Amino acid sequence: MSYETKVYREPGGATLVVASGGELEVASGGKITAAGTQAAHIADASVAAGTAPNKAEFDAVVTKLNAVLLALEGVGVLASS
């Protein structure tokens, strides 16, 4: 009987692979960083329920969304362009 691990390092060690059925779990207190730095906190967005946002509220949500995208790009989850 053979055993194939679902999470392994590629030969040379430069890439960690999570294969189909594998999982990467970040335990409580763990974090994902880029060069040792965690992305800054982004405050929750809020708009009054049931009303369309005004321009300032919409712009605030766009700013927060852009901050989330930048954080994901910073740790390599998304390509930067």
N, C-alpha and C. Protein backbone atom coordinates (compact mmCIF):
# COMPACT_ATOMS: atom_id res chain seq x y z
N MET A 1 0.84 -1.17 0.00
CA MET A 1 0.00 0.00 0.00
C MET A 1 0.90 1.24 0.00
N SER A 2 0.56 2.20 -0.87
CA SER A 2 1.36 3.43 -0.92
C SER A 2 0.55 4.59 -0.35
N TYR A 3 1.25 5.59 0.09
CA TYR A 3 0.61 6.77 0.67
C TYR A 3 1.09 7.98 -0.11
N GLU A 4 0.15 8.77 -0.61
CA GLU A 4 0.51 10.01 -1.31
C GLU A 4 0.00 11.18 -0.49
N THR A 5 0.91 12.03 -0.07
CA THR A 5 0.55 13.19 0.74
C THR A 5 -0.17 14.22 -0.12
N LYS A 6 -1.11 14.92 0.46
CA LYS A 6 -1.88 15.95 -0.25
C LYS A 6 -1.18 17.31 -0.20
N VAL A 7 -0.25 17.47 0.74
CA VAL A 7 0.51 18.71 0.87
C VAL A 7 1.98 18.34 0.88
N TYR A 8 2.74 18.90 -0.05
CA TYR A 8 4.15 18.53 -0.15
C TYR A 8 4.96 19.66 -0.78
N ARG A 9 6.27 19.58 -0.62
CA ARG A 9 7.18 20.53 -1.28
C ARG A 9 7.66 19.92 -2.59
N GLU A 10 7.70 20.75 -3.61
CA GLU A 10 8.25 20.32 -4.89
C GLU A 10 9.75 20.07 -4.71
N PRO A 11 10.33 19.22 -5.54
CA PRO A 11 11.79 19.03 -5.46
C PRO A 11 12.50 20.38 -5.54
N GLY A 12 13.43 20.60 -4.68
CA GLY A 12 14.14 21.88 -4.61
C GLY A 12 13.57 22.78 -3.52
N GLY A 13 12.34 22.50 -3.09
CA GLY A 13 11.75 23.20 -1.95
C GLY A 13 11.21 24.58 -2.20
N ALA A 14 11.18 25.06 -3.44
CA ALA A 14 10.74 26.43 -3.69
C ALA A 14 9.22 26.57 -3.71
N THR A 15 8.49 25.46 -3.88
CA THR A 15 7.03 25.52 -3.99
C THR A 15 6.39 24.52 -3.04
N LEU A 16 5.41 24.98 -2.27
CA LEU A 16 4.60 24.12 -1.43
C LEU A 16 3.31 23.86 -2.19
N VAL A 17 2.97 22.61 -2.40
CA VAL A 17 1.80 22.22 -3.19
C VAL A 17 0.71 21.68 -2.27
N VAL A 18 -0.51 22.17 -2.46
CA VAL A 18 -1.69 21.61 -1.81
C VAL A 18 -2.49 20.95 -2.92
N ALA A 19 -2.42 19.62 -2.97
CA ALA A 19 -3.06 18.87 -4.05
C ALA A 19 -4.56 18.74 -3.80
N SER A 20 -5.28 18.25 -4.79
CA SER A 20 -6.71 18.02 -4.68
C SER A 20 -7.00 17.18 -3.44
N GLY A 21 -7.90 17.66 -2.62
CA GLY A 21 -8.23 16.97 -1.38
C GLY A 21 -7.39 17.43 -0.20
N GLY A 22 -6.35 18.21 -0.46
CA GLY A 22 -5.51 18.73 0.62
C GLY A 22 -6.08 20.03 1.15
N GLU A 23 -5.50 20.52 2.21
CA GLU A 23 -6.01 21.74 2.84
C GLU A 23 -4.87 22.48 3.51
N LEU A 24 -4.92 23.79 3.45
CA LEU A 24 -3.99 24.64 4.18
C LEU A 24 -4.81 25.32 5.27
N GLU A 25 -4.52 25.02 6.51
CA GLU A 25 -5.26 25.59 7.63
C GLU A 25 -4.35 26.55 8.38
N VAL A 26 -4.85 27.75 8.61
CA VAL A 26 -4.13 28.70 9.45
C VAL A 26 -4.79 28.64 10.82
N ALA A 27 -4.06 28.12 11.79
CA ALA A 27 -4.59 27.94 13.14
C ALA A 27 -4.83 29.29 13.82
N SER A 28 -5.64 29.26 14.86
CA SER A 28 -5.93 30.45 15.65
C SER A 28 -4.62 31.12 16.05
N GLY A 29 -4.52 32.40 15.78
CA GLY A 29 -3.30 33.14 16.10
C GLY A 29 -2.31 33.16 14.95
N GLY A 30 -2.53 32.30 13.94
CA GLY A 30 -1.65 32.29 12.77
C GLY A 30 -1.99 33.43 11.83
N LYS A 31 -1.14 33.70 10.89
CA LYS A 31 -1.40 34.77 9.93
C LYS A 31 -0.65 34.50 8.63
N ILE A 32 -1.09 35.17 7.60
CA ILE A 32 -0.42 35.12 6.30
C ILE A 32 0.26 36.48 6.13
N THR A 33 1.52 36.46 5.77
CA THR A 33 2.27 37.71 5.64
C THR A 33 2.99 37.76 4.30
N ALA A 34 3.39 38.96 3.94
CA ALA A 34 4.27 39.17 2.79
C ALA A 34 5.56 39.74 3.36
N ALA A 35 6.65 39.01 3.19
CA ALA A 35 7.95 39.42 3.72
C ALA A 35 7.87 39.74 5.21
N GLY A 36 7.04 38.95 5.95
CA GLY A 36 6.95 39.11 7.39
C GLY A 36 5.96 40.17 7.85
N THR A 37 5.30 40.86 6.93
CA THR A 37 4.37 41.92 7.31
C THR A 37 2.95 41.53 6.94
N GLN A 38 2.06 41.61 7.91
CA GLN A 38 0.65 41.33 7.69
C GLN A 38 -0.03 42.59 7.17
N ALA A 39 -1.00 42.43 6.25
CA ALA A 39 -1.74 43.57 5.73
C ALA A 39 -2.46 44.27 6.88
N ALA A 40 -2.61 45.57 6.77
CA ALA A 40 -3.27 46.36 7.81
C ALA A 40 -4.76 46.03 7.89
N HIS A 41 -5.34 46.25 9.05
CA HIS A 41 -6.77 46.05 9.26
C HIS A 41 -7.56 46.99 8.36
N ILE A 42 -8.66 46.50 7.82
CA ILE A 42 -9.57 47.32 7.02
C ILE A 42 -10.90 47.35 7.76
N ALA A 43 -11.32 48.54 8.19
CA ALA A 43 -12.56 48.66 8.95
C ALA A 43 -13.76 48.21 8.12
N ASP A 44 -14.77 47.67 8.80
CA ASP A 44 -15.98 47.24 8.13
C ASP A 44 -16.63 48.39 7.38
N ALA A 45 -17.21 48.07 6.23
CA ALA A 45 -17.96 49.05 5.46
C ALA A 45 -19.40 49.02 5.94
N SER A 46 -20.05 50.16 5.95
CA SER A 46 -21.45 50.17 6.37
C SER A 46 -22.21 51.22 5.58
N VAL A 47 -23.44 50.86 5.24
CA VAL A 47 -24.36 51.76 4.57
C VAL A 47 -25.72 51.49 5.20
N ALA A 48 -26.52 52.53 5.36
CA ALA A 48 -27.84 52.35 5.97
C ALA A 48 -28.65 51.36 5.13
N ALA A 49 -29.22 50.37 5.80
CA ALA A 49 -30.01 49.34 5.11
C ALA A 49 -31.24 49.96 4.47
N GLY A 50 -31.55 49.49 3.27
CA GLY A 50 -32.77 49.93 2.60
C GLY A 50 -32.65 51.21 1.83
N THR A 51 -31.51 51.87 1.91
CA THR A 51 -31.33 53.11 1.14
C THR A 51 -30.13 52.97 0.23
N ALA A 52 -30.22 53.61 -0.90
CA ALA A 52 -29.08 53.62 -1.82
C ALA A 52 -27.98 54.47 -1.22
N PRO A 53 -26.72 54.04 -1.40
CA PRO A 53 -25.62 54.85 -0.83
C PRO A 53 -25.48 56.17 -1.58
N ASN A 54 -25.08 57.20 -0.84
CA ASN A 54 -24.76 58.46 -1.51
C ASN A 54 -23.33 58.35 -2.06
N LYS A 55 -22.86 59.38 -2.75
CA LYS A 55 -21.55 59.30 -3.40
C LYS A 55 -20.44 59.06 -2.38
N ALA A 56 -20.48 59.73 -1.25
CA ALA A 56 -19.42 59.57 -0.24
C ALA A 56 -19.41 58.14 0.30
N GLU A 57 -20.59 57.56 0.56
CA GLU A 57 -20.67 56.18 1.05
C GLU A 57 -20.17 55.20 -0.02
N PHE A 58 -20.57 55.43 -1.26
CA PHE A 58 -20.12 54.57 -2.35
C PHE A 58 -18.60 54.65 -2.49
N ASP A 59 -18.07 55.87 -2.46
CA ASP A 59 -16.62 56.03 -2.58
C ASP A 59 -15.89 55.34 -1.42
N ALA A 60 -16.46 55.37 -0.22
CA ALA A 60 -15.84 54.71 0.93
C ALA A 60 -15.81 53.20 0.73
N VAL A 61 -16.88 52.63 0.18
CA VAL A 61 -16.92 51.19 -0.08
C VAL A 61 -15.90 50.83 -1.17
N VAL A 62 -15.79 51.64 -2.20
CA VAL A 62 -14.80 51.38 -3.25
C VAL A 62 -13.39 51.43 -2.67
N THR A 63 -13.12 52.39 -1.80
CA THR A 63 -11.81 52.50 -1.16
C THR A 63 -11.49 51.24 -0.35
N LYS A 64 -12.48 50.74 0.40
CA LYS A 64 -12.28 49.53 1.20
C LYS A 64 -12.07 48.31 0.31
N LEU A 65 -12.84 48.21 -0.76
CA LEU A 65 -12.67 47.10 -1.70
C LEU A 65 -11.28 47.13 -2.31
N ASN A 66 -10.82 48.30 -2.69
CA ASN A 66 -9.48 48.41 -3.25
C ASN A 66 -8.41 48.02 -2.23
N ALA A 67 -8.63 48.33 -0.95
CA ALA A 67 -7.70 47.93 0.11
C ALA A 67 -7.66 46.41 0.26
N VAL A 68 -8.83 45.76 0.15
CA VAL A 68 -8.87 44.30 0.22
C VAL A 68 -8.11 43.70 -0.96
N LEU A 69 -8.35 44.23 -2.16
CA LEU A 69 -7.63 43.72 -3.33
C LEU A 69 -6.12 43.91 -3.18
N LEU A 70 -5.70 45.05 -2.69
CA LEU A 70 -4.27 45.31 -2.49
C LEU A 70 -3.68 44.33 -1.47
N ALA A 71 -4.43 44.03 -0.40
CA ALA A 71 -3.94 43.08 0.60
C ALA A 71 -3.79 41.69 -0.02
N LEU A 72 -4.76 41.26 -0.82
CA LEU A 72 -4.68 39.95 -1.47
C LEU A 72 -3.52 39.91 -2.48
N GLU A 73 -3.30 41.01 -3.18
CA GLU A 73 -2.15 41.06 -4.09
C GLU A 73 -0.84 41.02 -3.30
N GLY A 74 -0.82 41.68 -2.14
CA GLY A 74 0.39 41.76 -1.33
C GLY A 74 0.89 40.41 -0.83
N VAL A 75 -0.02 39.46 -0.62
CA VAL A 75 0.40 38.13 -0.16
C VAL A 75 0.36 37.10 -1.28
N GLY A 76 0.15 37.58 -2.51
CA GLY A 76 0.26 36.69 -3.66
C GLY A 76 -0.99 35.89 -3.99
N VAL A 77 -2.12 36.20 -3.35
CA VAL A 77 -3.36 35.50 -3.69
C VAL A 77 -3.86 35.95 -5.06
N LEU A 78 -3.71 37.23 -5.36
CA LEU A 78 -4.08 37.78 -6.66
C LEU A 78 -2.83 38.33 -7.36
N ALA A 79 -2.83 38.24 -8.67
CA ALA A 79 -1.76 38.89 -9.44
C ALA A 79 -1.94 40.39 -9.34
N SER A 80 -0.85 41.13 -9.39
CA SER A 80 -0.95 42.59 -9.25
C SER A 80 -1.40 43.28 -10.54
N SER A 81 -1.32 42.63 -11.64
CA SER A 81 -1.84 43.17 -12.92
C SER A 81 -1.76 42.12 -13.98
